[in-house]
Protein backbone atom coordinates (compact mmCIF):
# COMPACT_ATOMS: atom_id res chain seq x y z
CA MET A 1 59.96 1.43 -11.77
CA ALA A 2 56.51 0.39 -12.94
CA HIS A 3 54.23 3.04 -14.43
CA THR A 4 51.00 1.17 -13.60
CA LYS A 5 49.82 -0.36 -10.36
CA SER A 6 50.13 -4.12 -10.22
CA VAL A 7 46.86 -6.00 -10.59
CA GLY A 8 45.78 -7.74 -7.41
CA ALA A 9 42.72 -8.66 -5.41
CA ALA A 10 40.43 -5.78 -4.53
CA HIS A 11 40.40 -5.01 -0.82
CA ASN A 12 36.74 -3.96 -0.70
CA ALA A 13 35.22 -6.77 -2.78
CA ARG A 14 33.60 -8.50 0.23
CA GLU A 15 29.91 -8.27 1.00
CA SER A 16 28.22 -9.63 4.11
CA GLU A 17 25.26 -11.96 3.87
CA SER A 18 21.87 -10.36 4.54
CA LYS A 19 20.34 -11.18 7.93
CA ARG A 20 16.67 -11.45 6.78
CA LEU A 21 15.36 -9.05 9.41
CA GLY A 22 11.81 -7.74 9.57
CA ILE A 23 8.23 -8.74 10.30
CA LYS A 24 7.56 -12.43 9.70
CA LYS A 25 3.88 -12.58 10.75
CA ALA A 26 1.30 -9.91 9.85
CA ASN A 27 -1.51 -8.51 12.01
CA GLY A 28 -4.30 -11.06 12.50
CA GLU A 29 -2.23 -13.98 11.24
CA VAL A 30 -2.57 -17.31 13.09
CA ILE A 31 0.59 -18.39 14.92
CA SER A 32 1.69 -21.35 17.04
CA VAL A 33 4.02 -21.64 20.02
CA GLY A 34 7.66 -20.78 19.31
CA GLN A 35 7.11 -19.23 15.89
CA ILE A 36 9.06 -16.06 15.13
CA ILE A 37 6.98 -12.89 14.75
CA VAL A 38 9.67 -10.22 14.24
CA ARG A 39 13.44 -10.38 13.67
CA GLN A 40 15.08 -7.09 14.61
CA ARG A 41 18.15 -5.31 15.92
CA GLY A 42 17.21 -3.17 18.88
CA THR A 43 13.65 -2.89 20.20
CA LYS A 44 11.50 -1.04 17.70
CA TYR A 45 8.87 -3.71 18.36
CA VAL A 46 8.42 -4.63 22.03
CA PRO A 47 6.83 -7.81 23.44
CA GLY A 48 3.31 -7.67 24.81
CA LEU A 49 0.91 -10.38 25.96
CA ASN A 50 2.14 -13.96 25.27
CA VAL A 51 5.26 -12.74 23.42
CA ARG A 52 8.87 -13.03 24.59
CA ARG A 53 12.10 -11.35 23.42
CA ALA A 54 15.14 -13.52 22.62
CA ASP A 55 18.80 -12.56 23.18
CA ASP A 56 19.09 -11.14 19.65
CA ASP A 57 15.88 -9.06 20.13
CA THR A 58 13.79 -11.52 18.09
CA LEU A 59 10.14 -11.70 19.19
CA PHE A 60 8.46 -15.12 19.35
CA ALA A 61 5.10 -16.52 20.49
CA LEU A 62 4.52 -18.22 23.84
CA LYS A 63 0.97 -19.32 22.99
CA ASN A 64 -1.14 -20.31 19.99
CA GLY A 65 -3.35 -17.52 18.69
CA LYS A 66 -3.48 -14.48 16.42
CA VAL A 67 -0.84 -11.74 16.18
CA ALA A 68 -1.90 -8.22 17.20
CA TYR A 69 0.10 -5.00 16.73
CA LYS A 70 -0.63 -1.86 18.77
CA SER A 71 1.13 1.50 18.50
CA SER A 72 1.91 3.51 21.64
CA LYS A 73 4.30 6.02 23.18
CA LYS A 74 7.06 5.06 25.58
CA ILE A 75 8.71 7.48 27.98
CA ARG A 76 12.45 6.94 28.32
CA PHE A 77 14.44 7.33 31.53
CA ASP A 78 15.54 10.84 30.57
CA GLY A 79 11.92 11.92 30.06
CA SER A 80 11.98 11.91 26.24
CA ARG A 81 9.28 10.06 24.33
CA ARG A 82 9.46 7.59 21.45
CA TYR A 83 6.91 5.65 19.45
CA ILE A 84 6.95 1.88 19.79
CA THR A 85 4.83 -0.98 18.49
CA VAL A 86 3.67 -3.58 21.02
CA VAL A 87 3.29 -7.11 19.61
CA SER A 88 0.84 -9.47 21.33
CA VAL A 89 -0.66 -12.90 20.70
CA ARG A 90 -4.34 -13.31 21.59
C-alpha cells in the first residue's frame, strides 16, 4: 500500500473567464444608437428614457445623445423599498 497520495490533476484548478460587467459609458458621455451603457446581472440600473434592457439585463441606447444617471427609490410588490439608478439618454 502506498504511503503517499498519487500525483494527479487538481480537481479545483479551473477558473471561469471574467464577464466584463459594469458601467461602459459615464454620465454626460456622448453615445450613439445601439451602444452598450451598462452590462449587469439583475437590475441594479434600470432603463429610463431612450434606453432598453436586453435579455441578459444589459442596457443599451435607442437614440443618439448623452447618458444621464438619476438615483431614486423603488417600492417593491411587498411594500419594501430599494435604491435604484435610472439610466437615460437625452
